[in-house]
Amino acid sequence: MSFTVPVPASRIYDVQVGVKKFPTRGIFQLSVGGGDVGVPEDLYAPSEQYLMLDLGTATLLSGSTTFSFTVIGHNAASQGYKLGLDYIRLVPRS
């Protein structure tokens, strides 16, 4: 799944996402502008959990940028490959 995200200023940002971990979730990799950000994240949990994940840093230009979340597999204990995202937050680095 992809989202077009407004970037207020050209700079380095920490990319954070709100997620729902659940028994039917998969493992995803974030890509911004064609390059991977951070490492793959496993959203499997035996029960419902809402968390904020810090996915790493990205150097972004002002304007609109596409954030692509690709499911690349699933935990052996997971019952599926679903992805549950609540928000994307860009935190400017000092």
N, C-alpha and C. Protein backbone atom coordinates (compact mmCIF):
# COMPACT_ATOMS: atom_id res chain seq x y z
N MET A 1 0.85 -1.16 0.00
CA MET A 1 0.00 0.00 0.00
C MET A 1 0.90 1.22 0.00
N SER A 2 0.43 2.26 -0.68
CA SER A 2 1.22 3.48 -0.80
C SER A 2 0.39 4.69 -0.39
N PHE A 3 1.10 5.67 0.16
CA PHE A 3 0.47 6.91 0.59
C PHE A 3 1.32 8.07 0.10
N THR A 4 0.67 9.13 -0.37
CA THR A 4 1.37 10.36 -0.70
C THR A 4 1.33 11.24 0.53
N VAL A 5 2.53 11.60 1.01
CA VAL A 5 2.65 12.33 2.27
C VAL A 5 3.23 13.72 1.99
N PRO A 6 2.60 14.78 2.53
CA PRO A 6 3.16 16.12 2.36
C PRO A 6 4.39 16.29 3.27
N VAL A 7 5.47 16.79 2.70
CA VAL A 7 6.71 17.04 3.46
C VAL A 7 6.88 18.55 3.55
N PRO A 8 6.88 19.12 4.78
CA PRO A 8 6.89 20.57 4.92
C PRO A 8 8.19 21.25 4.52
N ALA A 9 9.34 20.58 4.74
CA ALA A 9 10.63 21.21 4.43
C ALA A 9 11.65 20.13 4.08
N SER A 10 12.61 20.48 3.25
CA SER A 10 13.67 19.55 2.88
C SER A 10 14.61 19.37 4.07
N ARG A 11 14.72 18.13 4.53
CA ARG A 11 15.59 17.83 5.67
C ARG A 11 15.56 16.34 5.97
N ILE A 12 16.26 15.94 7.03
CA ILE A 12 16.24 14.55 7.49
C ILE A 12 15.14 14.41 8.53
N TYR A 13 14.35 13.34 8.40
CA TYR A 13 13.25 13.07 9.32
C TYR A 13 13.38 11.66 9.90
N ASP A 14 12.95 11.52 11.15
CA ASP A 14 12.66 10.19 11.70
C ASP A 14 11.27 9.84 11.22
N VAL A 15 11.11 8.63 10.70
CA VAL A 15 9.80 8.20 10.20
C VAL A 15 9.18 7.28 11.25
N GLN A 16 8.04 7.68 11.77
CA GLN A 16 7.32 6.90 12.78
C GLN A 16 5.95 6.52 12.23
N VAL A 17 5.49 5.34 12.60
CA VAL A 17 4.16 4.90 12.19
C VAL A 17 3.42 4.30 13.38
N GLY A 18 2.13 4.55 13.41
CA GLY A 18 1.26 3.90 14.38
C GLY A 18 0.74 2.62 13.75
N VAL A 19 0.85 1.52 14.47
CA VAL A 19 0.46 0.22 13.92
C VAL A 19 -0.42 -0.54 14.90
N LYS A 20 -1.13 -1.50 14.36
CA LYS A 20 -1.88 -2.45 15.17
C LYS A 20 -1.25 -3.81 14.94
N LYS A 21 -0.65 -4.37 15.99
CA LYS A 21 -0.15 -5.74 15.91
C LYS A 21 -1.31 -6.67 16.23
N PHE A 22 -1.30 -7.85 15.57
CA PHE A 22 -2.46 -8.73 15.68
C PHE A 22 -2.06 -10.12 15.18
N PRO A 23 -2.82 -11.18 15.50
CA PRO A 23 -2.47 -12.54 15.08
C PRO A 23 -2.48 -12.77 13.56
N THR A 24 -3.09 -11.85 12.79
CA THR A 24 -3.18 -12.04 11.33
C THR A 24 -2.26 -11.11 10.55
N ARG A 25 -1.29 -10.50 11.20
CA ARG A 25 -0.44 -9.50 10.55
C ARG A 25 0.80 -10.11 9.92
N GLY A 26 1.31 -9.38 8.91
CA GLY A 26 2.51 -9.80 8.20
C GLY A 26 3.73 -8.98 8.58
N ILE A 27 4.78 -9.16 7.81
CA ILE A 27 6.03 -8.42 7.95
C ILE A 27 6.12 -7.45 6.79
N PHE A 28 6.41 -6.17 7.06
CA PHE A 28 6.47 -5.18 5.99
C PHE A 28 7.82 -4.49 5.94
N GLN A 29 8.10 -3.92 4.77
CA GLN A 29 9.27 -3.06 4.56
C GLN A 29 8.77 -1.73 4.01
N LEU A 30 9.24 -0.64 4.61
CA LEU A 30 8.91 0.70 4.11
C LEU A 30 9.93 1.12 3.07
N SER A 31 9.42 1.71 1.99
CA SER A 31 10.26 2.28 0.94
C SER A 31 9.80 3.72 0.69
N VAL A 32 10.76 4.63 0.62
CA VAL A 32 10.46 6.04 0.35
C VAL A 32 11.34 6.47 -0.82
N GLY A 33 10.72 6.93 -1.89
CA GLY A 33 11.48 7.36 -3.06
C GLY A 33 12.31 6.25 -3.66
N GLY A 34 11.87 5.02 -3.54
CA GLY A 34 12.58 3.88 -4.13
C GLY A 34 13.64 3.27 -3.24
N GLY A 35 13.92 3.86 -2.08
CA GLY A 35 14.92 3.32 -1.17
C GLY A 35 14.29 2.83 0.13
N ASP A 36 14.78 1.70 0.63
CA ASP A 36 14.26 1.16 1.89
C ASP A 36 14.61 2.05 3.07
N VAL A 37 13.68 2.15 4.00
CA VAL A 37 13.89 2.88 5.25
C VAL A 37 13.82 1.86 6.37
N GLY A 38 14.88 1.78 7.17
CA GLY A 38 14.90 0.85 8.29
C GLY A 38 14.95 -0.60 7.85
N VAL A 39 14.52 -1.45 8.76
CA VAL A 39 14.53 -2.90 8.54
C VAL A 39 13.09 -3.39 8.46
N PRO A 40 12.87 -4.61 7.95
CA PRO A 40 11.50 -5.15 7.94
C PRO A 40 10.93 -5.21 9.36
N GLU A 41 9.65 -4.92 9.48
CA GLU A 41 8.96 -4.91 10.78
C GLU A 41 7.88 -6.00 10.80
N ASP A 42 7.90 -6.81 11.85
CA ASP A 42 6.95 -7.90 12.04
C ASP A 42 5.78 -7.39 12.88
N LEU A 43 4.59 -7.39 12.32
CA LEU A 43 3.41 -6.89 13.04
C LEU A 43 2.61 -8.00 13.71
N TYR A 44 3.15 -9.22 13.74
CA TYR A 44 2.46 -10.30 14.44
C TYR A 44 2.54 -10.09 15.95
N ALA A 45 1.44 -10.36 16.63
CA ALA A 45 1.37 -10.44 18.09
C ALA A 45 0.23 -11.39 18.41
N PRO A 46 0.34 -12.19 19.48
CA PRO A 46 -0.72 -13.14 19.80
C PRO A 46 -2.03 -12.47 20.21
N SER A 47 -1.96 -11.19 20.62
CA SER A 47 -3.17 -10.45 20.93
C SER A 47 -3.00 -9.02 20.42
N GLU A 48 -4.11 -8.29 20.35
CA GLU A 48 -4.12 -6.93 19.82
C GLU A 48 -3.20 -6.01 20.61
N GLN A 49 -2.34 -5.26 19.87
CA GLN A 49 -1.46 -4.27 20.48
C GLN A 49 -1.39 -3.05 19.56
N TYR A 50 -1.50 -1.86 20.13
CA TYR A 50 -1.32 -0.63 19.36
C TYR A 50 0.00 0.00 19.78
N LEU A 51 0.89 0.23 18.79
CA LEU A 51 2.22 0.74 19.08
C LEU A 51 2.62 1.82 18.09
N MET A 52 3.62 2.61 18.48
CA MET A 52 4.28 3.53 17.57
C MET A 52 5.65 2.91 17.29
N LEU A 53 5.98 2.74 16.01
CA LEU A 53 7.28 2.21 15.61
C LEU A 53 8.10 3.32 14.99
N ASP A 54 9.38 3.42 15.38
CA ASP A 54 10.31 4.34 14.74
C ASP A 54 11.04 3.53 13.68
N LEU A 55 10.76 3.81 12.41
CA LEU A 55 11.27 2.99 11.31
C LEU A 55 12.67 3.39 10.86
N GLY A 56 13.16 4.54 11.27
CA GLY A 56 14.48 5.00 10.86
C GLY A 56 14.41 6.38 10.26
N THR A 57 15.48 6.80 9.61
CA THR A 57 15.53 8.15 9.06
C THR A 57 15.44 8.13 7.54
N ALA A 58 14.95 9.24 7.01
CA ALA A 58 14.86 9.44 5.57
C ALA A 58 15.17 10.90 5.27
N THR A 59 15.94 11.13 4.23
CA THR A 59 16.20 12.49 3.74
C THR A 59 15.14 12.79 2.69
N LEU A 60 14.31 13.79 2.99
CA LEU A 60 13.15 14.09 2.15
C LEU A 60 13.21 15.52 1.64
N LEU A 61 12.69 15.72 0.43
CA LEU A 61 12.57 17.05 -0.15
C LEU A 61 11.17 17.58 0.11
N SER A 62 11.05 18.91 0.22
CA SER A 62 9.73 19.49 0.45
C SER A 62 8.81 19.17 -0.71
N GLY A 63 7.53 19.06 -0.41
CA GLY A 63 6.53 18.70 -1.41
C GLY A 63 5.87 17.40 -1.02
N SER A 64 5.47 16.63 -2.00
CA SER A 64 4.81 15.35 -1.74
C SER A 64 5.77 14.20 -2.01
N THR A 65 5.75 13.21 -1.12
CA THR A 65 6.60 12.03 -1.25
C THR A 65 5.75 10.79 -1.05
N THR A 66 6.04 9.75 -1.83
CA THR A 66 5.29 8.50 -1.72
C THR A 66 5.97 7.55 -0.74
N PHE A 67 5.20 7.08 0.23
CA PHE A 67 5.64 6.09 1.20
C PHE A 67 4.97 4.77 0.84
N SER A 68 5.76 3.75 0.53
CA SER A 68 5.22 2.44 0.13
C SER A 68 5.52 1.41 1.20
N PHE A 69 4.48 0.75 1.66
CA PHE A 69 4.59 -0.31 2.66
C PHE A 69 4.31 -1.64 1.95
N THR A 70 5.32 -2.49 1.85
CA THR A 70 5.21 -3.74 1.12
C THR A 70 5.28 -4.91 2.09
N VAL A 71 4.27 -5.77 2.06
CA VAL A 71 4.29 -6.97 2.89
C VAL A 71 5.24 -7.96 2.21
N ILE A 72 6.26 -8.40 2.96
CA ILE A 72 7.29 -9.26 2.38
C ILE A 72 7.28 -10.68 2.96
N GLY A 73 6.36 -10.95 3.87
CA GLY A 73 6.27 -12.29 4.46
C GLY A 73 5.42 -12.24 5.71
N HIS A 74 5.51 -13.31 6.51
CA HIS A 74 4.81 -13.31 7.79
C HIS A 74 5.51 -14.22 8.78
N ASN A 75 5.31 -13.93 10.03
CA ASN A 75 5.82 -14.73 11.13
C ASN A 75 5.20 -16.12 11.04
N ALA A 76 5.95 -17.15 11.39
CA ALA A 76 5.43 -18.52 11.32
C ALA A 76 4.18 -18.70 12.18
N ALA A 77 4.04 -17.90 13.23
CA ALA A 77 2.88 -18.01 14.11
C ALA A 77 1.67 -17.21 13.60
N SER A 78 1.89 -16.34 12.61
CA SER A 78 0.81 -15.50 12.10
C SER A 78 -0.16 -16.30 11.25
N GLN A 79 -1.41 -15.86 11.26
CA GLN A 79 -2.46 -16.48 10.47
C GLN A 79 -2.70 -15.74 9.16
N GLY A 80 -1.85 -14.77 8.83
CA GLY A 80 -2.08 -14.03 7.60
C GLY A 80 -0.97 -13.06 7.26
N TYR A 81 -1.27 -12.20 6.29
CA TYR A 81 -0.31 -11.24 5.75
C TYR A 81 -0.83 -9.81 5.82
N LYS A 82 -1.77 -9.52 6.67
CA LYS A 82 -2.39 -8.19 6.70
C LYS A 82 -1.45 -7.15 7.30
N LEU A 83 -1.77 -5.90 7.00
CA LEU A 83 -1.01 -4.76 7.50
C LEU A 83 -2.00 -3.76 8.08
N GLY A 84 -1.75 -3.28 9.29
CA GLY A 84 -2.64 -2.32 9.93
C GLY A 84 -1.87 -1.08 10.36
N LEU A 85 -2.07 0.05 9.64
CA LEU A 85 -1.40 1.32 9.94
C LEU A 85 -2.43 2.36 10.35
N ASP A 86 -2.08 3.16 11.36
CA ASP A 86 -2.97 4.22 11.81
C ASP A 86 -2.51 5.59 11.34
N TYR A 87 -1.19 5.83 11.34
CA TYR A 87 -0.67 7.14 10.96
C TYR A 87 0.79 7.05 10.56
N ILE A 88 1.25 8.08 9.84
CA ILE A 88 2.66 8.28 9.52
C ILE A 88 3.04 9.61 10.13
N ARG A 89 4.12 9.63 10.90
CA ARG A 89 4.57 10.87 11.53
C ARG A 89 6.02 11.13 11.11
N LEU A 90 6.29 12.36 10.65
CA LEU A 90 7.65 12.77 10.31
C LEU A 90 8.16 13.69 11.40
N VAL A 91 9.25 13.29 12.04
CA VAL A 91 9.84 14.09 13.12
C VAL A 91 11.16 14.65 12.63
N PRO A 92 11.27 16.00 12.50
CA PRO A 92 12.52 16.59 12.02
C PRO A 92 13.69 16.25 12.94
N ARG A 93 14.82 15.89 12.34
CA ARG A 93 16.05 15.66 13.10
C ARG A 93 16.73 17.00 13.35
N SER A 94 17.38 17.14 14.50
CA SER A 94 18.07 18.41 14.80
C SER A 94 19.37 18.50 14.06
